[in-house]
Amino acid sequence: MNPTVESLGKEYLNKELPQLNPGDTVKVFVRIVEGNKERTQAFEGTILKKRGSGVGKTITVRKIFQGVGVERVFPVYSPRVEKISIVRRGDVKRAKLYYLRERSGKATRIREKIEKN
């Protein structure tokens, strides 16, 4: 990568984030600009996949809204992403959870990971 791009990205990398994994249910707080007003909107869903590294790292979050699946890709270190909080940890055996797209209702449930002290 270009050294100037790396130096520009370092100021965003110091954002304090939890460990994000596929299967986790997260709440992503995003800044939205409407006209001249700015507000924060929460998007709660399951992480389907992680992609990239460094400043270009993204997560794809899926939720069901009014019976329709909605997926959004969030750049993790974007200034628009205010914070990411983990609602519950998921225990899954694969890195990409694309199979959740074909499922609905109770079939989309993911086991909760039990943390050892």
C-alpha atoms as a PDB file:
ATOM      1  CA  MET A   1       0.000   0.000   0.000  1.00  0.00           C
ATOM      2  CA  ASN A   2       1.055   3.571  -0.599  1.00  0.00           C
ATOM      3  CA  PRO A   3       2.858   5.140   2.430  1.00  0.00           C
ATOM      4  CA  THR A   4       0.711   8.300   2.251  1.00  0.00           C
ATOM      5  CA  VAL A   5      -2.492   6.216   2.313  1.00  0.00           C
ATOM      6  CA  GLU A   6      -1.208   4.331   5.368  1.00  0.00           C
ATOM      7  CA  SER A   7      -0.378   7.560   7.204  1.00  0.00           C
ATOM      8  CA  LEU A   8      -3.842   8.974   6.447  1.00  0.00           C
ATOM      9  CA  GLY A   9      -5.492   5.801   7.711  1.00  0.00           C
ATOM     10  CA  LYS A  10      -3.594   5.623  11.009  1.00  0.00           C
ATOM     11  CA  GLU A  11      -5.698   8.377  12.594  1.00  0.00           C
ATOM     12  CA  TYR A  12      -8.839   6.228  12.125  1.00  0.00           C
ATOM     13  CA  LEU A  13      -7.261   2.970  13.309  1.00  0.00           C
ATOM     14  CA  ASN A  14      -6.992   4.096  16.925  1.00  0.00           C
ATOM     15  CA  LYS A  15     -10.781   3.678  17.358  1.00  0.00           C
ATOM     16  CA  GLU A  16     -11.508   1.407  20.340  1.00  0.00           C
ATOM     17  CA  LEU A  17     -13.524  -1.586  19.069  1.00  0.00           C
ATOM     18  CA  PRO A  18     -14.617  -4.921  20.543  1.00  0.00           C
ATOM     19  CA  GLN A  19     -13.564  -8.231  18.971  1.00  0.00           C
ATOM     20  CA  LEU A  20     -16.066  -8.761  16.123  1.00  0.00           C
ATOM     21  CA  ASN A  21     -16.753 -12.260  14.777  1.00  0.00           C
ATOM     22  CA  PRO A  22     -19.294 -13.785  12.380  1.00  0.00           C
ATOM     23  CA  GLY A  23     -22.377 -14.939  14.265  1.00  0.00           C
ATOM     24  CA  ASP A  24     -22.231 -12.116  16.798  1.00  0.00           C
ATOM     25  CA  THR A  25     -25.344  -9.987  17.177  1.00  0.00           C
ATOM     26  CA  VAL A  26     -24.216  -6.378  17.149  1.00  0.00           C
ATOM     27  CA  LYS A  27     -25.706  -2.924  17.342  1.00  0.00           C
ATOM     28  CA  VAL A  28     -23.967  -0.496  14.971  1.00  0.00           C
ATOM     29  CA  PHE A  29     -24.606   3.187  15.679  1.00  0.00           C
ATOM     30  CA  VAL A  30     -24.289   5.186  12.437  1.00  0.00           C
ATOM     31  CA  ARG A  31     -24.350   8.956  11.973  1.00  0.00           C
ATOM     32  CA  ILE A  32     -26.920   9.954   9.361  1.00  0.00           C
ATOM     33  CA  VAL A  33     -27.146  13.420   7.787  1.00  0.00           C
ATOM     34  CA  GLU A  34     -30.615  14.569   6.754  1.00  0.00           C
ATOM     35  CA  GLY A  35     -30.502  18.025   5.236  1.00  0.00           C
ATOM     36  CA  ASN A  36     -28.671  20.155   7.787  1.00  0.00           C
ATOM     37  CA  LYS A  37     -29.470  17.859  10.745  1.00  0.00           C
ATOM     38  CA  GLU A  38     -27.359  14.978  11.962  1.00  0.00           C
ATOM     39  CA  ARG A  39     -28.616  12.075  14.049  1.00  0.00           C
ATOM     40  CA  THR A  40     -27.482   8.637  15.182  1.00  0.00           C
ATOM     41  CA  GLN A  41     -29.334   5.541  14.005  1.00  0.00           C
ATOM     42  CA  ALA A  42     -28.844   2.035  15.397  1.00  0.00           C
ATOM     43  CA  PHE A  43     -28.731  -1.012  13.104  1.00  0.00           C
ATOM     44  CA  GLU A  44     -28.974  -4.278  15.029  1.00  0.00           C
ATOM     45  CA  GLY A  45     -28.310  -7.595  13.348  1.00  0.00           C
ATOM     46  CA  THR A  46     -26.056 -10.615  12.935  1.00  0.00           C
ATOM     47  CA  ILE A  47     -22.565 -10.349  11.434  1.00  0.00           C
ATOM     48  CA  LEU A  48     -22.495 -12.511   8.284  1.00  0.00           C
ATOM     49  CA  LYS A  49     -18.876 -11.888   7.355  1.00  0.00           C
ATOM     50  CA  LYS A  50     -15.710  -9.895   8.000  1.00  0.00           C
ATOM     51  CA  ARG A  51     -13.580  -8.658   5.123  1.00  0.00           C
ATOM     52  CA  GLY A  52     -10.309  -6.797   4.677  1.00  0.00           C
ATOM     53  CA  SER A  53      -7.787  -5.489   7.146  1.00  0.00           C
ATOM     54  CA  GLY A  54      -6.562  -2.180   8.435  1.00  0.00           C
ATOM     55  CA  VAL A  55      -8.578   0.878   7.413  1.00  0.00           C
ATOM     56  CA  GLY A  56     -10.448  -1.088   4.735  1.00  0.00           C
ATOM     57  CA  LYS A  57     -11.915  -3.627   7.188  1.00  0.00           C
ATOM     58  CA  THR A  58     -15.670  -4.121   6.750  1.00  0.00           C
ATOM     59  CA  ILE A  59     -18.420  -6.196   8.360  1.00  0.00           C
ATOM     60  CA  THR A  60     -21.696  -7.248   6.739  1.00  0.00           C
ATOM     61  CA  VAL A  61     -24.635  -7.119   9.143  1.00  0.00           C
ATOM     62  CA  ARG A  62     -28.003  -8.724   8.387  1.00  0.00           C
ATOM     63  CA  LYS A  63     -31.355  -8.164  10.060  1.00  0.00           C
ATOM     64  CA  ILE A  64     -34.965  -8.987   9.233  1.00  0.00           C
ATOM     65  CA  PHE A  65     -37.188  -5.908   8.937  1.00  0.00           C
ATOM     66  CA  GLN A  66     -40.915  -6.373   8.304  1.00  0.00           C
ATOM     67  CA  GLY A  67     -40.339  -9.856   6.932  1.00  0.00           C
ATOM     68  CA  VAL A  68     -37.602  -8.754   4.508  1.00  0.00           C
ATOM     69  CA  GLY A  69     -33.891  -9.433   4.973  1.00  0.00           C
ATOM     70  CA  VAL A  70     -31.760  -6.276   5.026  1.00  0.00           C
ATOM     71  CA  GLU A  71     -27.961  -6.413   4.759  1.00  0.00           C
ATOM     72  CA  ARG A  72     -25.605  -3.488   5.202  1.00  0.00           C
ATOM     73  CA  VAL A  73     -21.851  -3.344   4.814  1.00  0.00           C
ATOM     74  CA  PHE A  74     -20.172  -1.137   7.403  1.00  0.00           C
ATOM     75  CA  PRO A  75     -16.575   0.077   7.103  1.00  0.00           C
ATOM     76  CA  VAL A  76     -15.463  -0.591  10.689  1.00  0.00           C
ATOM     77  CA  TYR A  77     -13.127   2.398  10.954  1.00  0.00           C
ATOM     78  CA  SER A  78     -15.384   4.883   9.145  1.00  0.00           C
ATOM     79  CA  PRO A  79     -15.962   8.223  10.878  1.00  0.00           C
ATOM     80  CA  ARG A  80     -19.694   7.687  10.163  1.00  0.00           C
ATOM     81  CA  VAL A  81     -19.719   4.618  12.443  1.00  0.00           C
ATOM     82  CA  GLU A  82     -20.023   6.070  15.936  1.00  0.00           C
ATOM     83  CA  LYS A  83     -19.691   2.850  17.916  1.00  0.00           C
ATOM     84  CA  ILE A  84     -20.304  -0.879  17.687  1.00  0.00           C
ATOM     85  CA  SER A  85     -21.644  -2.743  20.702  1.00  0.00           C
ATOM     86  CA  ILE A  86     -22.019  -6.508  20.996  1.00  0.00           C
ATOM     87  CA  VAL A  87     -25.471  -7.675  22.089  1.00  0.00           C
ATOM     88  CA  ARG A  88     -24.580 -11.390  22.198  1.00  0.00           C
ATOM     89  CA  ARG A  89     -21.738 -13.630  21.052  1.00  0.00           C
ATOM     90  CA  GLY A  90     -22.547 -16.318  18.510  1.00  0.00           C
ATOM     91  CA  ASP A  91     -20.969 -19.772  18.387  1.00  0.00           C
ATOM     92  CA  VAL A  92     -20.551 -20.699  14.713  1.00  0.00           C
ATOM     93  CA  LYS A  93     -18.231 -23.079  12.863  1.00  0.00           C
ATOM     94  CA  ARG A  94     -17.627 -21.110   9.684  1.00  0.00           C
ATOM     95  CA  ALA A  95     -16.324 -17.709   8.632  1.00  0.00           C
ATOM     96  CA  LYS A  96     -19.077 -16.737   6.172  1.00  0.00           C
ATOM     97  CA  LEU A  97     -22.703 -17.270   7.184  1.00  0.00           C
ATOM     98  CA  TYR A  98     -24.308 -16.959   3.745  1.00  0.00           C
ATOM     99  CA  TYR A  99     -26.616 -19.884   4.517  1.00  0.00           C
ATOM    100  CA  LEU A 100     -28.658 -17.561   6.775  1.00  0.00           C
ATOM    101  CA  ARG A 101     -29.956 -15.780   3.657  1.00  0.00           C
ATOM    102  CA  GLU A 102     -32.093 -18.779   2.653  1.00  0.00           C
ATOM    103  CA  ARG A 103     -33.447 -19.353   6.159  1.00  0.00           C
ATOM    104  CA  SER A 104     -36.211 -17.574   8.010  1.00  0.00           C
ATOM    105  CA  GLY A 105     -37.782 -17.569  11.452  1.00  0.00           C
ATOM    106  CA  LYS A 106     -36.403 -19.953  14.060  1.00  0.00           C
ATOM    107  CA  ALA A 107     -34.060 -21.559  11.515  1.00  0.00           C
ATOM    108  CA  THR A 108     -31.837 -18.452  11.697  1.00  0.00           C
ATOM    109  CA  ARG A 109     -31.050 -18.905  15.388  1.00  0.00           C
ATOM    110  CA  ILE A 110     -27.387 -19.147  16.369  1.00  0.00           C
ATOM    111  CA  ARG A 111     -26.103 -20.782  19.555  1.00  0.00           C
ATOM    112  CA  GLU A 112     -24.719 -18.374  22.115  1.00  0.00           C
ATOM    113  CA  LYS A 113     -21.023 -18.685  22.951  1.00  0.00           C
ATOM    114  CA  ILE A 114     -20.388 -19.349  26.616  1.00  0.00           C
ATOM    115  CA  GLU A 115     -17.323 -17.428  27.774  1.00  0.00           C
ATOM    116  CA  LYS A 116     -14.917 -19.081  30.180  1.00  0.00           C
ATOM    117  CA  ASN A 117     -13.716 -16.904  33.065  1.00  0.00           C
END
